[in-house]
Amino acid sequence: MPYVHVSSSTIQKAAQSIWTSLNTISQHATTSITYQDDPGHSEAPDLEAEGSRHLAAWKFVGYPGLSKWLAASADGPLLRKFADLNVRVLLKKQNKIVEYERELKSMDDFAMSTDQGGCGSLRLDEGTPRGELLDEIDDLLRDYNGRLVEYLRLQEQPNATPEQVGRLHEWLVEHPNAIEQPEADFASREDDLMPLQNQRCGILPSLRRCLRNVQHNLLRSKRGRKKSVLSQSILLVPLLLLLAPAWAMSLACDCTQRMAIVTLFTTLFCLFLVSGTNLRMAHQSLATAGLFLESSKDAPAADVCEMFVGSINRNIWQYQRAALIISLI
């Protein structure tokens, strides 16, 4: 039989591999015996794992979960404006510009008080301390003006509503320890939070926002059929305001009653636009005129009513279709 040389390192690795295999077999045998002695042990690991995942939300949820929830939210992500810090930075840059302004004025006064030099040529200032100072002022003013415009646009954005902030607090409560407390304190700055979403004008977007707010307040802990019924009820409000006058006209007896019906429902529709939507004043006027004209088509054939409706039709009848289109934008 031929002689085979085996190094000591190879023997050591083989022994270590055998020892690891024996330990693994021993652990599996012990685990199987324990599970047989305790029939209810099969569900325990799942319950313990679920509890550990809930308590360790910082590991299993964290910022990925918060980011996913904020991105999918109909309100849009809620972030801080940092209004105070923005103003403070603007004040700092303003003070720096004022210092340069004073320094430039000192240079101008010195140039005016001497026989040489002066302030009548920008070409002569090229490469001089005054020219370099003007270049620095140019950079500062560009940065300052840009930040000023950005701050003005930021201030035009509406603050987050209490309902939107409440939904953020609910998520943080439902996912404890998901975000470190010092980093989650931004949710408590309600006066500085704003939703990152486009504020679209129109009846339908306003109805959706109104619906979400009502559902949040009244159905926070309820789900199912009641939520569906309430949603349909709220969406039927503008439809009823448009159709009810036509049906009421058939029950009216004279011109006065019919004009009273038109006036009543036009007023209710106008109040609905003002309180329940964010339409501009011009759009509200057009939509109200459209409803009035639509209701007036069913007015009686009395001479007074015909003259009244005819005079209005000649002036603003063309706004009816525009009002209905604008109200749905």
C-alpha atoms as a PDB file:
ATOM      1  CA  MET A   1       0.000   0.000   0.000  1.00  0.00           C
ATOM      2  CA  PRO A   2       1.513   3.357  -0.982  1.00  0.00           C
ATOM      3  CA  TYR A   3       2.382   5.860   1.659  1.00  0.00           C
ATOM      4  CA  VAL A   4       0.180   9.012   1.771  1.00  0.00           C
ATOM      5  CA  HIS A   5       1.490  12.051   3.545  1.00  0.00           C
ATOM      6  CA  VAL A   6      -1.188  14.079   5.434  1.00  0.00           C
ATOM      7  CA  SER A   7      -0.220  17.368   7.017  1.00  0.00           C
ATOM      8  CA  SER A   8      -1.136  18.257  10.587  1.00  0.00           C
ATOM      9  CA  SER A   9      -3.202  21.275   9.442  1.00  0.00           C
ATOM     10  CA  THR A  10      -5.427  19.019   7.331  1.00  0.00           C
ATOM     11  CA  ILE A  11      -5.996  16.677  10.257  1.00  0.00           C
ATOM     12  CA  GLN A  12      -6.815  19.624  12.504  1.00  0.00           C
ATOM     13  CA  LYS A  13      -9.397  21.014  10.045  1.00  0.00           C
ATOM     14  CA  ALA A  14     -11.047  17.594   9.663  1.00  0.00           C
ATOM     15  CA  ALA A  15     -11.291  17.167  13.431  1.00  0.00           C
ATOM     16  CA  GLN A  16     -12.802  20.632  13.816  1.00  0.00           C
ATOM     17  CA  SER A  17     -15.397  19.872  11.121  1.00  0.00           C
ATOM     18  CA  ILE A  18     -16.394  16.612  12.839  1.00  0.00           C
ATOM     19  CA  TRP A  19     -16.707  18.391  16.189  1.00  0.00           C
ATOM     20  CA  THR A  20     -18.971  21.082  14.693  1.00  0.00           C
ATOM     21  CA  SER A  21     -21.222  18.442  13.123  1.00  0.00           C
ATOM     22  CA  LEU A  22     -21.572  16.606  16.434  1.00  0.00           C
ATOM     23  CA  ASN A  23     -22.556  19.819  18.230  1.00  0.00           C
ATOM     24  CA  THR A  24     -25.215  20.581  15.607  1.00  0.00           C
ATOM     25  CA  ILE A  25     -26.722  17.086  15.899  1.00  0.00           C
ATOM     26  CA  SER A  26     -26.770  17.376  19.694  1.00  0.00           C
ATOM     27  CA  GLN A  27     -28.581  20.724  19.584  1.00  0.00           C
ATOM     28  CA  HIS A  28     -31.246  19.405  17.177  1.00  0.00           C
ATOM     29  CA  ALA A  29     -31.826  16.370  19.370  1.00  0.00           C
ATOM     30  CA  THR A  30     -32.239  18.511  22.498  1.00  0.00           C
ATOM     31  CA  THR A  31     -34.673  20.844  20.731  1.00  0.00           C
ATOM     32  CA  SER A  32     -36.828  17.986  19.438  1.00  0.00           C
ATOM     33  CA  ILE A  33     -37.021  16.413  22.905  1.00  0.00           C
ATOM     34  CA  THR A  34     -38.061  19.736  24.422  1.00  0.00           C
ATOM     35  CA  TYR A  35     -40.817  20.250  21.819  1.00  0.00           C
ATOM     36  CA  GLN A  36     -42.163  16.712  22.452  1.00  0.00           C
ATOM     37  CA  ASP A  37     -42.349  17.319  26.214  1.00  0.00           C
ATOM     38  CA  ASP A  38     -44.201  20.627  25.702  1.00  0.00           C
ATOM     39  CA  PRO A  39     -46.997  20.355  23.056  1.00  0.00           C
ATOM     40  CA  GLY A  40     -47.796  24.080  23.232  1.00  0.00           C
ATOM     41  CA  HIS A  41     -44.213  25.053  22.610  1.00  0.00           C
ATOM     42  CA  SER A  42     -44.712  25.170  18.825  1.00  0.00           C
ATOM     43  CA  GLU A  43     -46.654  28.447  19.036  1.00  0.00           C
ATOM     44  CA  ALA A  44     -44.428  30.072  21.616  1.00  0.00           C
ATOM     45  CA  PRO A  45     -41.597  31.049  19.235  1.00  0.00           C
ATOM     46  CA  ASP A  46     -44.070  32.822  16.929  1.00  0.00           C
ATOM     47  CA  LEU A  47     -45.641  34.780  19.783  1.00  0.00           C
ATOM     48  CA  GLU A  48     -42.285  35.665  21.238  1.00  0.00           C
ATOM     49  CA  ALA A  49     -40.990  36.701  17.823  1.00  0.00           C
ATOM     50  CA  GLU A  50     -44.035  38.886  17.220  1.00  0.00           C
ATOM     51  CA  GLY A  51     -43.641  40.543  20.618  1.00  0.00           C
ATOM     52  CA  SER A  52     -39.952  41.113  20.066  1.00  0.00           C
ATOM     53  CA  ARG A  53     -40.622  42.659  16.647  1.00  0.00           C
ATOM     54  CA  HIS A  54     -43.195  44.991  18.225  1.00  0.00           C
ATOM     55  CA  LEU A  55     -40.842  46.075  20.990  1.00  0.00           C
ATOM     56  CA  ALA A  56     -37.909  46.320  18.609  1.00  0.00           C
ATOM     57  CA  ALA A  57     -39.692  48.496  16.064  1.00  0.00           C
ATOM     58  CA  TRP A  58     -36.505  50.531  15.757  1.00  0.00           C
ATOM     59  CA  LYS A  59     -34.998  47.469  14.087  1.00  0.00           C
ATOM     60  CA  PHE A  60     -37.894  46.128  11.998  1.00  0.00           C
ATOM     61  CA  VAL A  61     -39.798  49.359  11.150  1.00  0.00           C
ATOM     62  CA  GLY A  62     -37.692  52.457  11.734  1.00  0.00           C
ATOM     63  CA  TYR A  63     -37.331  55.141   9.115  1.00  0.00           C
ATOM     64  CA  PRO A  64     -38.133  52.801   6.183  1.00  0.00           C
ATOM     65  CA  GLY A  65     -41.583  52.187   7.677  1.00  0.00           C
ATOM     66  CA  LEU A  66     -42.162  55.855   8.502  1.00  0.00           C
ATOM     67  CA  SER A  67     -41.038  56.957   5.032  1.00  0.00           C
ATOM     68  CA  LYS A  68     -43.304  54.413   3.339  1.00  0.00           C
ATOM     69  CA  TRP A  69     -46.299  55.517   5.430  1.00  0.00           C
ATOM     70  CA  LEU A  70     -45.693  59.223   4.818  1.00  0.00           C
ATOM     71  CA  ALA A  71     -45.225  58.702   1.072  1.00  0.00           C
ATOM     72  CA  ALA A  72     -48.460  56.687   0.816  1.00  0.00           C
ATOM     73  CA  SER A  73     -50.461  59.087   2.975  1.00  0.00           C
ATOM     74  CA  ALA A  74     -53.096  61.160   1.177  1.00  0.00           C
ATOM     75  CA  ASP A  75     -51.988  64.178   3.209  1.00  0.00           C
ATOM     76  CA  GLY A  76     -48.427  63.934   1.937  1.00  0.00           C
ATOM     77  CA  PRO A  77     -45.311  63.912   4.112  1.00  0.00           C
ATOM     78  CA  LEU A  78     -45.419  66.229   7.121  1.00  0.00           C
ATOM     79  CA  LEU A  79     -42.174  68.136   7.500  1.00  0.00           C
ATOM     80  CA  ARG A  80     -41.088  71.219   9.409  1.00  0.00           C
ATOM     81  CA  LYS A  81     -40.744  74.641   7.822  1.00  0.00           C
ATOM     82  CA  PHE A  82     -38.045  75.747  10.280  1.00  0.00           C
ATOM     83  CA  ALA A  83     -39.505  79.236  10.063  1.00  0.00           C
ATOM     84  CA  ASP A  84     -37.518  80.573  13.023  1.00  0.00           C
ATOM     85  CA  LEU A  85     -34.224  79.207  11.727  1.00  0.00           C
ATOM     86  CA  ASN A  86     -34.874  80.520   8.231  1.00  0.00           C
ATOM     87  CA  VAL A  87     -35.500  83.993   9.606  1.00  0.00           C
ATOM     88  CA  ARG A  88     -32.392  83.778  11.764  1.00  0.00           C
ATOM     89  CA  VAL A  89     -30.243  82.811   8.787  1.00  0.00           C
ATOM     90  CA  LEU A  90     -31.738  85.704   6.816  1.00  0.00           C
ATOM     91  CA  LEU A  91     -30.936  88.077   9.672  1.00  0.00           C
ATOM     92  CA  LYS A  92     -27.352  86.825   9.763  1.00  0.00           C
ATOM     93  CA  LYS A  93     -26.896  87.335   6.033  1.00  0.00           C
ATOM     94  CA  GLN A  94     -28.571  90.726   6.266  1.00  0.00           C
ATOM     95  CA  ASN A  95     -26.146  91.770   8.993  1.00  0.00           C
ATOM     96  CA  LYS A  96     -23.187  90.607   6.902  1.00  0.00           C
ATOM     97  CA  ILE A  97     -24.420  92.632   3.929  1.00  0.00           C
ATOM     98  CA  VAL A  98     -24.837  95.679   6.178  1.00  0.00           C
ATOM     99  CA  GLU A  99     -21.214  95.343   7.322  1.00  0.00           C
ATOM    100  CA  TYR A 100     -20.009  95.215   3.726  1.00  0.00           C
ATOM    101  CA  GLU A 101     -22.270  98.140   2.883  1.00  0.00           C
ATOM    102  CA  ARG A 102     -20.647 100.236   5.603  1.00  0.00           C
ATOM    103  CA  GLU A 103     -17.185  99.203   4.461  1.00  0.00           C
ATOM    104  CA  LEU A 104     -18.044 100.160   0.885  1.00  0.00           C
ATOM    105  CA  LYS A 105     -19.347 103.527   2.052  1.00  0.00           C
ATOM    106  CA  SER A 106     -16.100 104.148   3.923  1.00  0.00           C
ATOM    107  CA  MET A 107     -14.142 103.419   0.748  1.00  0.00           C
ATOM    108  CA  ASP A 108     -16.380 105.773  -1.230  1.00  0.00           C
ATOM    109  CA  ASP A 109     -15.994 108.545   1.347  1.00  0.00           C
ATOM    110  CA  PHE A 110     -12.221 108.125   1.328  1.00  0.00           C
ATOM    111  CA  ALA A 111     -12.101 108.215  -2.480  1.00  0.00           C
ATOM    112  CA  MET A 112     -14.181 111.394  -2.534  1.00  0.00           C
ATOM    113  CA  SER A 113     -11.975 113.132   0.019  1.00  0.00           C
ATOM    114  CA  THR A 114      -8.716 112.653  -1.912  1.00  0.00           C
ATOM    115  CA  ASP A 115      -7.480 114.222  -5.114  1.00  0.00           C
ATOM    116  CA  GLN A 116      -6.721 110.887  -6.730  1.00  0.00           C
ATOM    117  CA  GLY A 117      -9.285 108.237  -7.529  1.00  0.00           C
ATOM    118  CA  GLY A 118     -12.991 108.852  -7.152  1.00  0.00           C
ATOM    119  CA  CYS A 119     -16.260 107.018  -7.664  1.00  0.00           C
ATOM    120  CA  GLY A 120     -16.927 107.747 -11.314  1.00  0.00           C
ATOM    121  CA  SER A 121     -15.577 104.596 -12.965  1.00  0.00           C
ATOM    122  CA  LEU A 122     -16.280 100.936 -12.348  1.00  0.00           C
ATOM    123  CA  ARG A 123     -13.495  99.964 -14.746  1.00  0.00           C
ATOM    124  CA  LEU A 124     -10.912 101.582 -12.509  1.00  0.00           C
ATOM    125  CA  ASP A 125     -12.249  99.522  -9.579  1.00  0.00           C
ATOM    126  CA  GLU A 126     -11.330  96.245 -11.286  1.00  0.00           C
ATOM    127  CA  GLY A 127      -8.677  94.488  -9.203  1.00  0.00           C
ATOM    128  CA  THR A 128      -8.890  97.033  -6.370  1.00  0.00           C
ATOM    129  CA  PRO A 129     -10.135  96.308  -2.829  1.00  0.00           C
ATOM    130  CA  ARG A 130     -13.347  98.145  -3.608  1.00  0.00           C
ATOM    131  CA  GLY A 131     -13.958  96.049  -6.723  1.00  0.00           C
ATOM    132  CA  GLU A 132     -13.314  92.825  -4.806  1.00  0.00           C
ATOM    133  CA  LEU A 133     -15.673  93.999  -2.076  1.00  0.00           C
ATOM    134  CA  LEU A 134     -18.394  94.619  -4.662  1.00  0.00           C
ATOM    135  CA  ASP A 135     -17.930  91.082  -5.991  1.00  0.00           C
ATOM    136  CA  GLU A 136     -18.382  89.677  -2.483  1.00  0.00           C
ATOM    137  CA  ILE A 137     -21.488  91.816  -1.999  1.00  0.00           C
ATOM    138  CA  ASP A 138     -22.824  90.469  -5.302  1.00  0.00           C
ATOM    139  CA  ASP A 139     -22.505  86.867  -4.103  1.00  0.00           C
ATOM    140  CA  LEU A 140     -24.071  87.701  -0.743  1.00  0.00           C
ATOM    141  CA  LEU A 141     -27.013  89.542  -2.300  1.00  0.00           C
ATOM    142  CA  ARG A 142     -27.681  86.705  -4.747  1.00  0.00           C
ATOM    143  CA  ASP A 143     -27.766  84.203  -1.899  1.00  0.00           C
ATOM    144  CA  TYR A 144     -29.816  86.525   0.313  1.00  0.00           C
ATOM    145  CA  ASN A 145     -32.402  87.284  -2.367  1.00  0.00           C
ATOM    146  CA  GLY A 146     -32.751  83.618  -3.270  1.00  0.00           C
ATOM    147  CA  ARG A 147     -33.317  82.606   0.326  1.00  0.00           C
ATOM    148  CA  LEU A 148     -35.752  85.474   0.774  1.00  0.00           C
ATOM    149  CA  VAL A 149     -37.860  84.322  -2.187  1.00  0.00           C
ATOM    150  CA  GLU A 150     -37.757  80.724  -0.963  1.00  0.00           C
ATOM    151  CA  TYR A 151     -38.906  81.807   2.479  1.00  0.00           C
ATOM    152  CA  LEU A 152     -41.807  83.788   1.013  1.00  0.00           C
ATOM    153  CA  ARG A 153     -42.902  80.737  -0.973  1.00  0.00           C
ATOM    154  CA  LEU A 154     -42.533  78.602   2.132  1.00  0.00           C
ATOM    155  CA  GLN A 155     -44.783  80.922   4.102  1.00  0.00           C
ATOM    156  CA  GLU A 156     -47.477  80.608   1.446  1.00  0.00           C
ATOM    157  CA  GLN A 157     -47.777  76.900   2.190  1.00  0.00           C
ATOM    158  CA  PRO A 158     -50.565  76.097   4.681  1.00  0.00           C
ATOM    159  CA  ASN A 159     -49.740  74.611   8.038  1.00  0.00           C
ATOM    160  CA  ALA A 160     -50.683  71.041   8.808  1.00  0.00           C
ATOM    161  CA  THR A 161     -54.184  70.639  10.180  1.00  0.00           C
ATOM    162  CA  PRO A 162     -54.768  69.115  13.639  1.00  0.00           C
ATOM    163  CA  GLU A 163     -56.214  66.034  11.918  1.00  0.00           C
ATOM    164  CA  GLN A 164     -53.053  65.528   9.848  1.00  0.00           C
ATOM    165  CA  VAL A 165     -50.832  65.941  12.899  1.00  0.00           C
ATOM    166  CA  GLY A 166     -53.109  63.580  14.832  1.00  0.00           C
ATOM    167  CA  ARG A 167     -52.660  60.854  12.228  1.00  0.00           C
ATOM    168  CA  LEU A 168     -48.883  61.222  12.504  1.00  0.00           C
ATOM    169  CA  HIS A 169     -49.080  60.906  16.298  1.00  0.00           C
ATOM    170  CA  GLU A 170     -51.260  57.810  15.922  1.00  0.00           C
ATOM    171  CA  TRP A 171     -48.657  56.132  13.726  1.00  0.00           C
ATOM    172  CA  LEU A 172     -45.916  56.887  16.240  1.00  0.00           C
ATOM    173  CA  VAL A 173     -48.073  55.488  19.057  1.00  0.00           C
ATOM    174  CA  GLU A 174     -48.885  52.341  17.069  1.00  0.00           C
ATOM    175  CA  HIS A 175     -45.168  51.833  16.342  1.00  0.00           C
ATOM    176  CA  PRO A 176     -43.398  52.542  19.642  1.00  0.00           C
ATOM    177  CA  ASN A 177     -39.620  52.804  19.562  1.00  0.00           C
ATOM    178  CA  ALA A 178     -39.681  52.891  15.759  1.00  0.00           C
ATOM    179  CA  ILE A 179     -38.041  56.319  15.818  1.00  0.00           C
ATOM    180  CA  GLU A 180     -35.761  57.572  18.564  1.00  0.00           C
ATOM    181  CA  GLN A 181     -37.660  59.967  20.804  1.00  0.00           C
ATOM    182  CA  PRO A 182     -35.389  62.996  20.198  1.00  0.00           C
ATOM    183  CA  GLU A 183     -35.825  62.493  16.444  1.00  0.00           C
ATOM    184  CA  ALA A 184     -39.598  61.971  16.726  1.00  0.00           C
ATOM    185  CA  ASP A 185     -40.102  65.247  18.599  1.00  0.00           C
ATOM    186  CA  PHE A 186     -40.632  67.034  15.282  1.00  0.00           C
ATOM    187  CA  ALA A 187     -44.217  65.750  15.366  1.00  0.00           C
ATOM    188  CA  SER A 188     -44.894  67.897  18.447  1.00  0.00           C
ATOM    189  CA  ARG A 189     -44.101  71.141  16.567  1.00  0.00           C
ATOM    190  CA  GLU A 190     -47.620  71.484  15.199  1.00  0.00           C
ATOM    191  CA  ASP A 191     -47.220  75.200  14.457  1.00  0.00           C
ATOM    192  CA  ASP A 192     -44.217  74.506  12.211  1.00  0.00           C
ATOM    193  CA  LEU A 193     -45.368  71.410  10.291  1.00  0.00           C
ATOM    194  CA  MET A 194     -46.610  71.557   6.720  1.00  0.00           C
ATOM    195  CA  PRO A 195     -47.905  68.874   4.337  1.00  0.00           C
ATOM    196  CA  LEU A 196     -45.953  68.379   1.117  1.00  0.00           C
ATOM    197  CA  GLN A 197     -48.826  68.230  -1.328  1.00  0.00           C
ATOM    198  CA  ASN A 198     -50.330  70.350  -4.072  1.00  0.00           C
ATOM    199  CA  GLN A 199     -53.334  72.303  -2.831  1.00  0.00           C
ATOM    200  CA  ARG A 200     -55.681  71.716  -5.757  1.00  0.00           C
ATOM    201  CA  CYS A 201     -58.756  73.866  -6.026  1.00  0.00           C
ATOM    202  CA  GLY A 202     -62.089  72.306  -6.760  1.00  0.00           C
ATOM    203  CA  ILE A 203     -65.112  70.684  -5.235  1.00  0.00           C
ATOM    204  CA  LEU A 204     -63.935  67.095  -5.557  1.00  0.00           C
ATOM    205  CA  PRO A 205     -60.525  67.566  -3.888  1.00  0.00           C
ATOM    206  CA  SER A 206     -62.166  69.592  -1.138  1.00  0.00           C
ATOM    207  CA  LEU A 207     -64.773  66.886  -0.640  1.00  0.00           C
ATOM    208  CA  ARG A 208     -62.044  64.288  -0.351  1.00  0.00           C
ATOM    209  CA  ARG A 209     -60.226  66.342   2.297  1.00  0.00           C
ATOM    210  CA  CYS A 210     -63.477  66.998   4.131  1.00  0.00           C
ATOM    211  CA  LEU A 211     -64.305  63.303   3.976  1.00  0.00           C
ATOM    212  CA  ARG A 212     -60.931  62.308   5.403  1.00  0.00           C
ATOM    213  CA  ASN A 213     -61.289  64.783   8.271  1.00  0.00           C
ATOM    214  CA  VAL A 214     -64.790  63.600   9.159  1.00  0.00           C
ATOM    215  CA  GLN A 215     -63.753  59.972   8.996  1.00  0.00           C
ATOM    216  CA  HIS A 216     -60.779  60.672  11.224  1.00  0.00           C
ATOM    217  CA  ASN A 217     -62.847  62.452  13.856  1.00  0.00           C
ATOM    218  CA  LEU A 218     -65.982  60.303  13.881  1.00  0.00           C
ATOM    219  CA  LEU A 219     -64.755  56.895  12.760  1.00  0.00           C
ATOM    220  CA  ARG A 220     -61.293  56.705  14.285  1.00  0.00           C
ATOM    221  CA  SER A 221     -62.024  53.398  15.978  1.00  0.00           C
ATOM    222  CA  LYS A 222     -64.753  52.139  13.624  1.00  0.00           C
ATOM    223  CA  ARG A 223     -64.363  50.394  10.311  1.00  0.00           C
ATOM    224  CA  GLY A 224     -66.587  48.761   7.750  1.00  0.00           C
ATOM    225  CA  ARG A 225     -70.097  49.669   6.689  1.00  0.00           C
ATOM    226  CA  LYS A 226     -70.517  52.855   8.718  1.00  0.00           C
ATOM    227  CA  LYS A 227     -67.480  54.350   7.031  1.00  0.00           C
ATOM    228  CA  SER A 228     -68.862  53.521   3.591  1.00  0.00           C
ATOM    229  CA  VAL A 229     -72.291  54.981   4.385  1.00  0.00           C
ATOM    230  CA  LEU A 230     -70.777  58.218   5.668  1.00  0.00           C
ATOM    231  CA  SER A 231     -68.579  58.536   2.582  1.00  0.00           C
ATOM    232  CA  GLN A 232     -71.548  58.199   0.262  1.00  0.00           C
ATOM    233  CA  SER A 233     -73.591  60.668   2.321  1.00  0.00           C
ATOM    234  CA  ILE A 234     -70.952  63.381   2.110  1.00  0.00           C
ATOM    235  CA  LEU A 235     -70.462  62.904  -1.625  1.00  0.00           C
ATOM    236  CA  LEU A 236     -74.226  63.291  -2.177  1.00  0.00           C
ATOM    237  CA  VAL A 237     -74.345  66.784  -0.621  1.00  0.00           C
ATOM    238  CA  PRO A 238     -73.432  68.789  -3.771  1.00  0.00           C
ATOM    239  CA  LEU A 239     -75.619  66.512  -5.897  1.00  0.00           C
ATOM    240  CA  LEU A 240     -78.635  67.190  -3.681  1.00  0.00           C
ATOM    241  CA  LEU A 241     -77.987  70.920  -3.783  1.00  0.00           C
ATOM    242  CA  LEU A 242     -78.070  70.768  -7.572  1.00  0.00           C
ATOM    243  CA  LEU A 243     -81.123  68.513  -8.015  1.00  0.00           C
ATOM    244  CA  ALA A 244     -83.330  69.555  -5.103  1.00  0.00           C
ATOM    245  CA  PRO A 245     -84.353  72.923  -6.629  1.00  0.00           C
ATOM    246  CA  ALA A 246     -85.650  71.241  -9.788  1.00  0.00           C
ATOM    247  CA  TRP A 247     -87.866  68.896  -7.771  1.00  0.00           C
ATOM    248  CA  ALA A 248     -89.013  71.668  -5.457  1.00  0.00           C
ATOM    249  CA  MET A 249     -90.101  73.747  -8.446  1.00  0.00           C
ATOM    250  CA  SER A 250     -92.746  71.200  -9.374  1.00  0.00           C
ATOM    251  CA  LEU A 251     -94.374  71.600  -5.956  1.00  0.00           C
ATOM    252  CA  ALA A 252     -94.398  75.397  -5.953  1.00  0.00           C
ATOM    253  CA  CYS A 253     -97.643  77.142  -6.848  1.00  0.00           C
ATOM    254  CA  ASP A 254     -96.669  80.644  -7.871  1.00  0.00           C
ATOM    255  CA  CYS A 255     -93.739  82.760  -8.965  1.00  0.00           C
ATOM    256  CA  THR A 256     -92.904  83.976  -5.466  1.00  0.00           C
ATOM    257  CA  GLN A 257     -92.493  80.480  -4.071  1.00  0.00           C
ATOM    258  CA  ARG A 258     -90.345  79.360  -6.966  1.00  0.00           C
ATOM    259  CA  MET A 259     -88.075  82.380  -6.740  1.00  0.00           C
ATOM    260  CA  ALA A 260     -87.801  81.771  -2.989  1.00  0.00           C
ATOM    261  CA  ILE A 261     -86.707  78.193  -3.700  1.00  0.00           C
ATOM    262  CA  VAL A 262     -84.092  79.381  -6.189  1.00  0.00           C
ATOM    263  CA  THR A 263     -82.810  81.986  -3.729  1.00  0.00           C
ATOM    264  CA  LEU A 264     -82.683  79.503  -0.836  1.00  0.00           C
ATOM    265  CA  PHE A 265     -80.771  76.781  -2.646  1.00  0.00           C
ATOM    266  CA  THR A 266     -78.440  79.277  -4.317  1.00  0.00           C
ATOM    267  CA  THR A 267     -77.581  80.682  -0.887  1.00  0.00           C
ATOM    268  CA  LEU A 268     -77.005  77.188   0.527  1.00  0.00           C
ATOM    269  CA  PHE A 269     -74.806  76.293  -2.424  1.00  0.00           C
ATOM    270  CA  CYS A 270     -72.788  79.495  -1.993  1.00  0.00           C
ATOM    271  CA  LEU A 271     -72.304  78.765   1.725  1.00  0.00           C
ATOM    272  CA  PHE A 272     -71.202  75.244   0.848  1.00  0.00           C
ATOM    273  CA  LEU A 273     -68.594  76.583  -1.587  1.00  0.00           C
ATOM    274  CA  VAL A 274     -67.251  79.090   0.938  1.00  0.00           C
ATOM    275  CA  SER A 275     -67.114  76.777   3.957  1.00  0.00           C
ATOM    276  CA  GLY A 276     -66.495  73.385   2.378  1.00  0.00           C
ATOM    277  CA  THR A 277     -64.125  74.166  -0.503  1.00  0.00           C
ATOM    278  CA  ASN A 278     -61.052  76.252  -1.230  1.00  0.00           C
ATOM    279  CA  LEU A 279     -62.231  77.737  -4.522  1.00  0.00           C
ATOM    280  CA  ARG A 280     -61.155  81.249  -5.346  1.00  0.00           C
ATOM    281  CA  MET A 281     -63.711  84.014  -5.054  1.00  0.00           C
ATOM    282  CA  ALA A 282     -64.114  84.287  -8.828  1.00  0.00           C
ATOM    283  CA  HIS A 283     -64.714  80.554  -9.175  1.00  0.00           C
ATOM    284  CA  GLN A 284     -67.219  80.615  -6.327  1.00  0.00           C
ATOM    285  CA  SER A 285     -69.128  83.392  -8.061  1.00  0.00           C
ATOM    286  CA  LEU A 286     -69.176  81.501 -11.362  1.00  0.00           C
ATOM    287  CA  ALA A 287     -70.343  78.271  -9.755  1.00  0.00           C
ATOM    288  CA  THR A 288     -73.074  80.092  -7.826  1.00  0.00           C
ATOM    289  CA  ALA A 289     -74.238  81.831 -11.001  1.00  0.00           C
ATOM    290  CA  GLY A 290     -74.327  78.499 -12.794  1.00  0.00           C
ATOM    291  CA  LEU A 291     -76.511  76.951 -10.094  1.00  0.00           C
ATOM    292  CA  PHE A 292     -78.844  79.954 -10.096  1.00  0.00           C
ATOM    293  CA  LEU A 293     -79.296  79.836 -13.841  1.00  0.00           C
ATOM    294  CA  GLU A 294     -79.823  76.079 -13.811  1.00  0.00           C
ATOM    295  CA  SER A 295     -82.520  76.470 -11.163  1.00  0.00           C
ATOM    296  CA  SER A 296     -84.075  79.452 -12.921  1.00  0.00           C
ATOM    297  CA  LYS A 297     -84.782  77.412 -16.046  1.00  0.00           C
ATOM    298  CA  ASP A 298     -87.663  75.790 -14.157  1.00  0.00           C
ATOM    299  CA  ALA A 299     -89.116  79.136 -13.049  1.00  0.00           C
ATOM    300  CA  PRO A 300     -92.772  79.904 -13.968  1.00  0.00           C
ATOM    301  CA  ALA A 301     -93.807  81.628 -17.116  1.00  0.00           C
ATOM    302  CA  ALA A 302     -94.974  84.782 -15.340  1.00  0.00           C
ATOM    303  CA  ASP A 303     -93.952  88.033 -16.990  1.00  0.00           C
ATOM    304  CA  VAL A 304     -91.957  89.255 -13.993  1.00  0.00           C
ATOM    305  CA  CYS A 305     -90.012  86.050 -13.670  1.00  0.00           C
ATOM    306  CA  GLU A 306     -89.381  85.854 -17.414  1.00  0.00           C
ATOM    307  CA  MET A 307     -88.038  89.383 -17.470  1.00  0.00           C
ATOM    308  CA  PHE A 308     -85.892  88.741 -14.412  1.00  0.00           C
ATOM    309  CA  VAL A 309     -84.456  85.482 -15.690  1.00  0.00           C
ATOM    310  CA  GLY A 310     -84.047  86.835 -19.214  1.00  0.00           C
ATOM    311  CA  SER A 311     -82.016  89.809 -18.058  1.00  0.00           C
ATOM    312  CA  ILE A 312     -79.698  87.548 -16.106  1.00  0.00           C
ATOM    313  CA  ASN A 313     -79.398  85.069 -18.950  1.00  0.00           C
ATOM    314  CA  ARG A 314     -78.280  87.786 -21.355  1.00  0.00           C
ATOM    315  CA  ASN A 315     -75.477  88.846 -19.011  1.00  0.00           C
ATOM    316  CA  ILE A 316     -74.047  85.708 -17.416  1.00  0.00           C
ATOM    317  CA  TRP A 317     -75.516  82.682 -19.163  1.00  0.00           C
ATOM    318  CA  GLN A 318     -72.164  82.065 -20.800  1.00  0.00           C
ATOM    319  CA  TYR A 319     -70.617  81.496 -17.356  1.00  0.00           C
ATOM    320  CA  GLN A 320     -72.747  78.456 -16.547  1.00  0.00           C
ATOM    321  CA  ARG A 321     -70.696  75.819 -18.331  1.00  0.00           C
ATOM    322  CA  ALA A 322     -67.453  77.485 -17.295  1.00  0.00           C
ATOM    323  CA  ALA A 323     -68.584  77.447 -13.670  1.00  0.00           C
ATOM    324  CA  LEU A 324     -69.382  73.744 -13.727  1.00  0.00           C
ATOM    325  CA  ILE A 325     -66.051  72.925 -15.363  1.00  0.00           C
ATOM    326  CA  ILE A 326     -64.058  75.130 -12.987  1.00  0.00           C
ATOM    327  CA  SER A 327     -65.783  73.652  -9.950  1.00  0.00           C
ATOM    328  CA  LEU A 328     -64.522  70.189 -10.913  1.00  0.00           C
ATOM    329  CA  ILE A 329     -60.907  71.189 -11.622  1.00  0.00           C
END
